[in-house]
Amino acid sequence: MRIMSKVFRVWMLGLAFLLAAYGSSRALEVGQPAPDFELESTSGGKLKLSSLKGKNVLINFYVLDFSPT
């Protein structure tokens, strides 16, 4: 159950990033910083993207789509 909780939180982090980027008034360009957002961390505290400045951050987006194309 704990693994599912972590997977869900990582998924929510990606969703929040997408919503922040989509909700901004201009599109992001390659090389621009990501919009800042805050989510609950896997340990229960708050995690803000700006608090990770200077560190490597990997945000993984994927979709499982089994519909015919």
PDB file of N, CA and C in Angstrom:
ATOM      1  N   MET A   1       0.815  -1.190   0.000  1.00  0.00           N
ATOM      2  CA  MET A   1       0.000   0.000   0.000  1.00  0.00           C
ATOM      3  C   MET A   1       0.864   1.262   0.000  1.00  0.00           C
ATOM      4  N   ARG A   2       1.994   1.226   0.692  1.00  0.00           N
ATOM      5  CA  ARG A   2       2.878   2.387   0.761  1.00  0.00           C
ATOM      6  C   ARG A   2       3.448   2.721  -0.614  1.00  0.00           C
ATOM      7  N   ILE A   3       3.749   1.716  -1.423  1.00  0.00           N
ATOM      8  CA  ILE A   3       4.280   1.948  -2.770  1.00  0.00           C
ATOM      9  C   ILE A   3       3.231   2.654  -3.620  1.00  0.00           C
ATOM     10  N   MET A   4       1.979   2.228  -3.514  1.00  0.00           N
ATOM     11  CA  MET A   4       0.907   2.879  -4.273  1.00  0.00           C
ATOM     12  C   MET A   4       0.760   4.339  -3.871  1.00  0.00           C
ATOM     13  N   SER A   5       0.951   4.621  -2.591  1.00  0.00           N
ATOM     14  CA  SER A   5       0.867   5.993  -2.109  1.00  0.00           C
ATOM     15  C   SER A   5       1.976   6.840  -2.731  1.00  0.00           C
ATOM     16  N   LYS A   6       3.182   6.296  -2.800  1.00  0.00           N
ATOM     17  CA  LYS A   6       4.295   7.029  -3.412  1.00  0.00           C
ATOM     18  C   LYS A   6       4.055   7.227  -4.904  1.00  0.00           C
ATOM     19  N   VAL A   7       3.563   6.201  -5.580  1.00  0.00           N
ATOM     20  CA  VAL A   7       3.282   6.314  -7.008  1.00  0.00           C
ATOM     21  C   VAL A   7       2.232   7.396  -7.245  1.00  0.00           C
ATOM     22  N   PHE A   8       1.205   7.403  -6.410  1.00  0.00           N
ATOM     23  CA  PHE A   8       0.149   8.400  -6.548  1.00  0.00           C
ATOM     24  C   PHE A   8       0.699   9.806  -6.343  1.00  0.00           C
ATOM     25  N   ARG A   9       1.549   9.979  -5.353  1.00  0.00           N
ATOM     26  CA  ARG A   9       2.117  11.308  -5.088  1.00  0.00           C
ATOM     27  C   ARG A   9       3.020  11.774  -6.222  1.00  0.00           C
ATOM     28  N   VAL A  10       3.793  10.873  -6.793  1.00  0.00           N
ATOM     29  CA  VAL A  10       4.636  11.238  -7.934  1.00  0.00           C
ATOM     30  C   VAL A  10       3.756  11.612  -9.118  1.00  0.00           C
ATOM     31  N   TRP A  11       2.684  10.860  -9.313  1.00  0.00           N
ATOM     32  CA  TRP A  11       1.751  11.169 -10.399  1.00  0.00           C
ATOM     33  C   TRP A  11       1.125  12.544 -10.184  1.00  0.00           C
ATOM     34  N   MET A  12       0.759  12.848  -8.946  1.00  0.00           N
ATOM     35  CA  MET A  12       0.160  14.150  -8.642  1.00  0.00           C
ATOM     36  C   MET A  12       1.164  15.279  -8.847  1.00  0.00           C
ATOM     37  N   LEU A  13       2.434  15.029  -8.556  1.00  0.00           N
ATOM     38  CA  LEU A  13       3.469  16.023  -8.797  1.00  0.00           C
ATOM     39  C   LEU A  13       3.544  16.345 -10.286  1.00  0.00           C
ATOM     40  N   GLY A  14       3.532  15.314 -11.110  1.00  0.00           N
ATOM     41  CA  GLY A  14       3.541  15.532 -12.559  1.00  0.00           C
ATOM     42  C   GLY A  14       2.307  16.266 -13.031  1.00  0.00           C
ATOM     43  N   LEU A  15       1.159  15.911 -12.502  1.00  0.00           N
ATOM     44  CA  LEU A  15      -0.082  16.582 -12.872  1.00  0.00           C
ATOM     45  C   LEU A  15      -0.044  18.050 -12.467  1.00  0.00           C
ATOM     46  N   ALA A  16       0.454  18.337 -11.288  1.00  0.00           N
ATOM     47  CA  ALA A  16       0.553  19.721 -10.829  1.00  0.00           C
ATOM     48  C   ALA A  16       1.477  20.528 -11.732  1.00  0.00           C
ATOM     49  N   PHE A  17       2.576  19.918 -12.156  1.00  0.00           N
ATOM     50  CA  PHE A  17       3.492  20.601 -13.060  1.00  0.00           C
ATOM     51  C   PHE A  17       2.805  20.926 -14.384  1.00  0.00           C
ATOM     52  N   LEU A  18       2.070  19.943 -14.910  1.00  0.00           N
ATOM     53  CA  LEU A  18       1.342  20.186 -16.158  1.00  0.00           C
ATOM     54  C   LEU A  18       0.318  21.299 -16.003  1.00  0.00           C
ATOM     55  N   LEU A  19      -0.429  21.271 -14.922  1.00  0.00           N
ATOM     56  CA  LEU A  19      -1.437  22.304 -14.702  1.00  0.00           C
ATOM     57  C   LEU A  19      -0.804  23.680 -14.520  1.00  0.00           C
ATOM     58  N   ALA A  20       0.317  23.727 -13.834  1.00  0.00           N
ATOM     59  CA  ALA A  20       1.003  25.009 -13.651  1.00  0.00           C
ATOM     60  C   ALA A  20       1.515  25.546 -14.973  1.00  0.00           C
ATOM     61  N   ALA A  21       2.052  24.666 -15.798  1.00  0.00           N
ATOM     62  CA  ALA A  21       2.551  25.098 -17.105  1.00  0.00           C
ATOM     63  C   ALA A  21       1.400  25.487 -18.022  1.00  0.00           C
ATOM     64  N   TYR A  22       0.311  24.741 -17.993  1.00  0.00           N
ATOM     65  CA  TYR A  22      -0.837  25.023 -18.843  1.00  0.00           C
ATOM     66  C   TYR A  22      -1.546  26.302 -18.411  1.00  0.00           C
ATOM     67  N   GLY A  23      -1.587  26.536 -17.119  1.00  0.00           N
ATOM     68  CA  GLY A  23      -2.294  27.699 -16.604  1.00  0.00           C
ATOM     69  C   GLY A  23      -1.525  28.998 -16.733  1.00  0.00           C
ATOM     70  N   SER A  24      -0.263  28.936 -17.087  1.00  0.00           N
ATOM     71  CA  SER A  24       0.506  30.173 -17.217  1.00  0.00           C
ATOM     72  C   SER A  24       0.094  30.924 -18.476  1.00  0.00           C
ATOM     73  N   SER A  25       0.358  32.210 -18.487  1.00  0.00           N
ATOM     74  CA  SER A  25      -0.083  33.048 -19.601  1.00  0.00           C
ATOM     75  C   SER A  25       0.756  32.843 -20.857  1.00  0.00           C
ATOM     76  N   ARG A  26       1.929  32.276 -20.725  1.00  0.00           N
ATOM     77  CA  ARG A  26       2.760  32.039 -21.905  1.00  0.00           C
ATOM     78  C   ARG A  26       3.322  30.626 -21.861  1.00  0.00           C
ATOM     79  N   ALA A  27       3.611  30.108 -23.013  1.00  0.00           N
ATOM     80  CA  ALA A  27       4.154  28.748 -23.105  1.00  0.00           C
ATOM     81  C   ALA A  27       5.616  28.751 -22.665  1.00  0.00           C
ATOM     82  N   LEU A  28       6.041  27.640 -22.112  1.00  0.00           N
ATOM     83  CA  LEU A  28       7.438  27.494 -21.720  1.00  0.00           C
ATOM     84  C   LEU A  28       8.286  27.199 -22.943  1.00  0.00           C
ATOM     85  N   GLU A  29       9.470  27.728 -22.945  1.00  0.00           N
ATOM     86  CA  GLU A  29      10.446  27.472 -23.994  1.00  0.00           C
ATOM     87  C   GLU A  29      11.540  26.582 -23.403  1.00  0.00           C
ATOM     88  N   VAL A  30      12.245  25.890 -24.253  1.00  0.00           N
ATOM     89  CA  VAL A  30      13.367  25.065 -23.808  1.00  0.00           C
ATOM     90  C   VAL A  30      14.381  25.970 -23.116  1.00  0.00           C
ATOM     91  N   GLY A  31      14.834  25.559 -21.952  1.00  0.00           N
ATOM     92  CA  GLY A  31      15.822  26.320 -21.201  1.00  0.00           C
ATOM     93  C   GLY A  31      15.220  27.240 -20.154  1.00  0.00           C
ATOM     94  N   GLN A  32      13.902  27.464 -20.202  1.00  0.00           N
ATOM     95  CA  GLN A  32      13.260  28.304 -19.192  1.00  0.00           C
ATOM     96  C   GLN A  32      13.050  27.503 -17.918  1.00  0.00           C
ATOM     97  N   PRO A  33      13.073  28.168 -16.766  1.00  0.00           N
ATOM     98  CA  PRO A  33      12.803  27.436 -15.527  1.00  0.00           C
ATOM     99  C   PRO A  33      11.345  26.992 -15.457  1.00  0.00           C
ATOM    100  N   ALA A  34      11.131  25.892 -14.791  1.00  0.00           N
ATOM    101  CA  ALA A  34       9.770  25.371 -14.606  1.00  0.00           C
ATOM    102  C   ALA A  34       9.010  26.281 -13.648  1.00  0.00           C
ATOM    103  N   PRO A  35       7.693  26.360 -13.807  1.00  0.00           N
ATOM    104  CA  PRO A  35       6.905  27.149 -12.852  1.00  0.00           C
ATOM    105  C   PRO A  35       6.982  26.540 -11.454  1.00  0.00           C
ATOM    106  N   ASP A  36       6.988  27.388 -10.446  1.00  0.00           N
ATOM    107  CA  ASP A  36       7.088  26.906  -9.075  1.00  0.00           C
ATOM    108  C   ASP A  36       5.738  26.369  -8.607  1.00  0.00           C
ATOM    109  N   PHE A  37       5.772  25.267  -7.876  1.00  0.00           N
ATOM    110  CA  PHE A  37       4.566  24.703  -7.291  1.00  0.00           C
ATOM    111  C   PHE A  37       4.930  23.981  -6.000  1.00  0.00           C
ATOM    112  N   GLU A  38       3.925  23.712  -5.179  1.00  0.00           N
ATOM    113  CA  GLU A  38       4.137  23.064  -3.889  1.00  0.00           C
ATOM    114  C   GLU A  38       3.176  21.888  -3.746  1.00  0.00           C
ATOM    115  N   LEU A  39       3.714  20.771  -3.268  1.00  0.00           N
ATOM    116  CA  LEU A  39       2.916  19.567  -3.041  1.00  0.00           C
ATOM    117  C   LEU A  39       3.317  18.921  -1.727  1.00  0.00           C
ATOM    118  N   GLU A  40       2.526  17.952  -1.320  1.00  0.00           N
ATOM    119  CA  GLU A  40       2.870  17.172  -0.135  1.00  0.00           C
ATOM    120  C   GLU A  40       3.940  16.152  -0.524  1.00  0.00           C
ATOM    121  N   SER A  41       4.989  16.052   0.282  1.00  0.00           N
ATOM    122  CA  SER A  41       6.064  15.096   0.007  1.00  0.00           C
ATOM    123  C   SER A  41       5.654  13.706   0.465  1.00  0.00           C
ATOM    124  N   THR A  42       6.450  12.718   0.090  1.00  0.00           N
ATOM    125  CA  THR A  42       6.161  11.341   0.489  1.00  0.00           C
ATOM    126  C   THR A  42       6.297  11.142   1.991  1.00  0.00           C
ATOM    127  N   SER A  43       6.998  12.043   2.684  1.00  0.00           N
ATOM    128  CA  SER A  43       7.128  11.940   4.145  1.00  0.00           C
ATOM    129  C   SER A  43       6.044  12.716   4.879  1.00  0.00           C
ATOM    130  N   GLY A  44       5.137  13.353   4.124  1.00  0.00           N
ATOM    131  CA  GLY A  44       4.031  14.066   4.739  1.00  0.00           C
ATOM    132  C   GLY A  44       4.231  15.564   4.857  1.00  0.00           C
ATOM    133  N   GLY A  45       5.439  16.067   4.624  1.00  0.00           N
ATOM    134  CA  GLY A  45       5.699  17.503   4.678  1.00  0.00           C
ATOM    135  C   GLY A  45       5.377  18.168   3.347  1.00  0.00           C
ATOM    136  N   LYS A  46       5.645  19.455   3.276  1.00  0.00           N
ATOM    137  CA  LYS A  46       5.435  20.197   2.035  1.00  0.00           C
ATOM    138  C   LYS A  46       6.732  20.233   1.239  1.00  0.00           C
ATOM    139  N   LEU A  47       6.612  20.103  -0.065  1.00  0.00           N
ATOM    140  CA  LEU A  47       7.765  20.151  -0.959  1.00  0.00           C
ATOM    141  C   LEU A  47       7.488  21.195  -2.029  1.00  0.00           C
ATOM    142  N   LYS A  48       8.354  22.194  -2.104  1.00  0.00           N
ATOM    143  CA  LYS A  48       8.216  23.261  -3.092  1.00  0.00           C
ATOM    144  C   LYS A  48       9.338  23.114  -4.113  1.00  0.00           C
ATOM    145  N   LEU A  49       8.988  23.225  -5.382  1.00  0.00           N
ATOM    146  CA  LEU A  49       9.986  23.041  -6.435  1.00  0.00           C
ATOM    147  C   LEU A  49      11.154  24.011  -6.260  1.00  0.00           C
ATOM    148  N   SER A  50      10.876  25.237  -5.883  1.00  0.00           N
ATOM    149  CA  SER A  50      11.949  26.224  -5.725  1.00  0.00           C
ATOM    150  C   SER A  50      12.931  25.840  -4.615  1.00  0.00           C
ATOM    151  N   SER A  51      12.510  24.997  -3.667  1.00  0.00           N
ATOM    152  CA  SER A  51      13.424  24.558  -2.606  1.00  0.00           C
ATOM    153  C   SER A  51      14.474  23.585  -3.131  1.00  0.00           C
ATOM    154  N   LEU A  52      14.276  23.079  -4.328  1.00  0.00           N
ATOM    155  CA  LEU A  52      15.220  22.135  -4.927  1.00  0.00           C
ATOM    156  C   LEU A  52      16.161  22.812  -5.925  1.00  0.00           C
ATOM    157  N   LYS A  53      16.169  24.133  -5.950  1.00  0.00           N
ATOM    158  CA  LYS A  53      17.021  24.871  -6.891  1.00  0.00           C
ATOM    159  C   LYS A  53      18.480  24.459  -6.716  1.00  0.00           C
ATOM    160  N   GLY A  54      19.127  24.189  -7.834  1.00  0.00           N
ATOM    161  CA  GLY A  54      20.521  23.767  -7.819  1.00  0.00           C
ATOM    162  C   GLY A  54      20.696  22.265  -7.741  1.00  0.00           C
ATOM    163  N   LYS A  55      19.594  21.534  -7.564  1.00  0.00           N
ATOM    164  CA  LYS A  55      19.649  20.076  -7.508  1.00  0.00           C
ATOM    165  C   LYS A  55      19.034  19.512  -8.779  1.00  0.00           C
ATOM    166  N   ASN A  56      19.421  18.298  -9.114  1.00  0.00           N
ATOM    167  CA  ASN A  56      18.818  17.636 -10.268  1.00  0.00           C
ATOM    168  C   ASN A  56      17.424  17.157  -9.896  1.00  0.00           C
ATOM    169  N   VAL A  57      16.449  17.493 -10.743  1.00  0.00           N
ATOM    170  CA  VAL A  57      15.062  17.095 -10.523  1.00  0.00           C
ATOM    171  C   VAL A  57      14.566  16.435 -11.797  1.00  0.00           C
ATOM    172  N   LEU A  58      14.049  15.240 -11.664  1.00  0.00           N
ATOM    173  CA  LEU A  58      13.481  14.521 -12.805  1.00  0.00           C
ATOM    174  C   LEU A  58      11.978  14.464 -12.626  1.00  0.00           C
ATOM    175  N   ILE A  59      11.256  15.023 -13.578  1.00  0.00           N
ATOM    176  CA  ILE A  59       9.799  14.938 -13.581  1.00  0.00           C
ATOM    177  C   ILE A  59       9.444  14.078 -14.778  1.00  0.00           C
ATOM    178  N   ASN A  60       8.855  12.942 -14.489  1.00  0.00           N
ATOM    179  CA  ASN A  60       8.566  11.956 -15.525  1.00  0.00           C
ATOM    180  C   ASN A  60       7.085  12.001 -15.890  1.00  0.00           C
ATOM    181  N   PHE A  61       6.794  12.172 -17.170  1.00  0.00           N
ATOM    182  CA  PHE A  61       5.421  12.148 -17.658  1.00  0.00           C
ATOM    183  C   PHE A  61       5.260  10.928 -18.548  1.00  0.00           C
ATOM    184  N   TYR A  62       4.230  10.167 -18.300  1.00  0.00           N
ATOM    185  CA  TYR A  62       3.944   9.021 -19.152  1.00  0.00           C
ATOM    186  C   TYR A  62       2.449   8.796 -19.160  1.00  0.00           C
ATOM    187  N   VAL A  63       2.002   8.118 -20.181  1.00  0.00           N
ATOM    188  CA  VAL A  63       0.576   7.818 -20.283  1.00  0.00           C
ATOM    189  C   VAL A  63       0.428   6.377 -20.761  1.00  0.00           C
ATOM    190  N   LEU A  64      -0.535   5.705 -20.193  1.00  0.00           N
ATOM    191  CA  LEU A  64      -0.873   4.370 -20.643  1.00  0.00           C
ATOM    192  C   LEU A  64      -2.119   4.505 -21.493  1.00  0.00           C
ATOM    193  N   ASP A  65      -1.970   4.349 -22.782  1.00  0.00           N
ATOM    194  CA  ASP A  65      -3.095   4.526 -23.682  1.00  0.00           C
ATOM    195  C   ASP A  65      -3.204   3.275 -24.553  1.00  0.00           C
ATOM    196  N   PHE A  66      -4.210   2.516 -24.317  1.00  0.00           N
ATOM    197  CA  PHE A  66      -4.382   1.277 -25.052  1.00  0.00           C
ATOM    198  C   PHE A  66      -5.465   1.388 -26.121  1.00  0.00           C
ATOM    199  N   SER A  67      -5.895   2.588 -26.398  1.00  0.00           N
ATOM    200  CA  SER A  67      -6.927   2.767 -27.413  1.00  0.00           C
ATOM    201  C   SER A  67      -6.302   2.647 -28.812  1.00  0.00           C
ATOM    202  N   PRO A  68      -7.069   2.134 -29.774  1.00  0.00           N
ATOM    203  CA  PRO A  68      -6.528   2.016 -31.133  1.00  0.00           C
ATOM    204  C   PRO A  68      -6.313   3.386 -31.751  1.00  0.00           C
ATOM    205  N   THR A  69      -5.285   3.508 -32.539  1.00  0.00           N
ATOM    206  CA  THR A  69      -4.995   4.793 -33.186  1.00  0.00           C
ATOM    207  C   THR A  69      -5.466   4.816 -34.607  1.00  0.00           C
TER     208      THR A  69
END
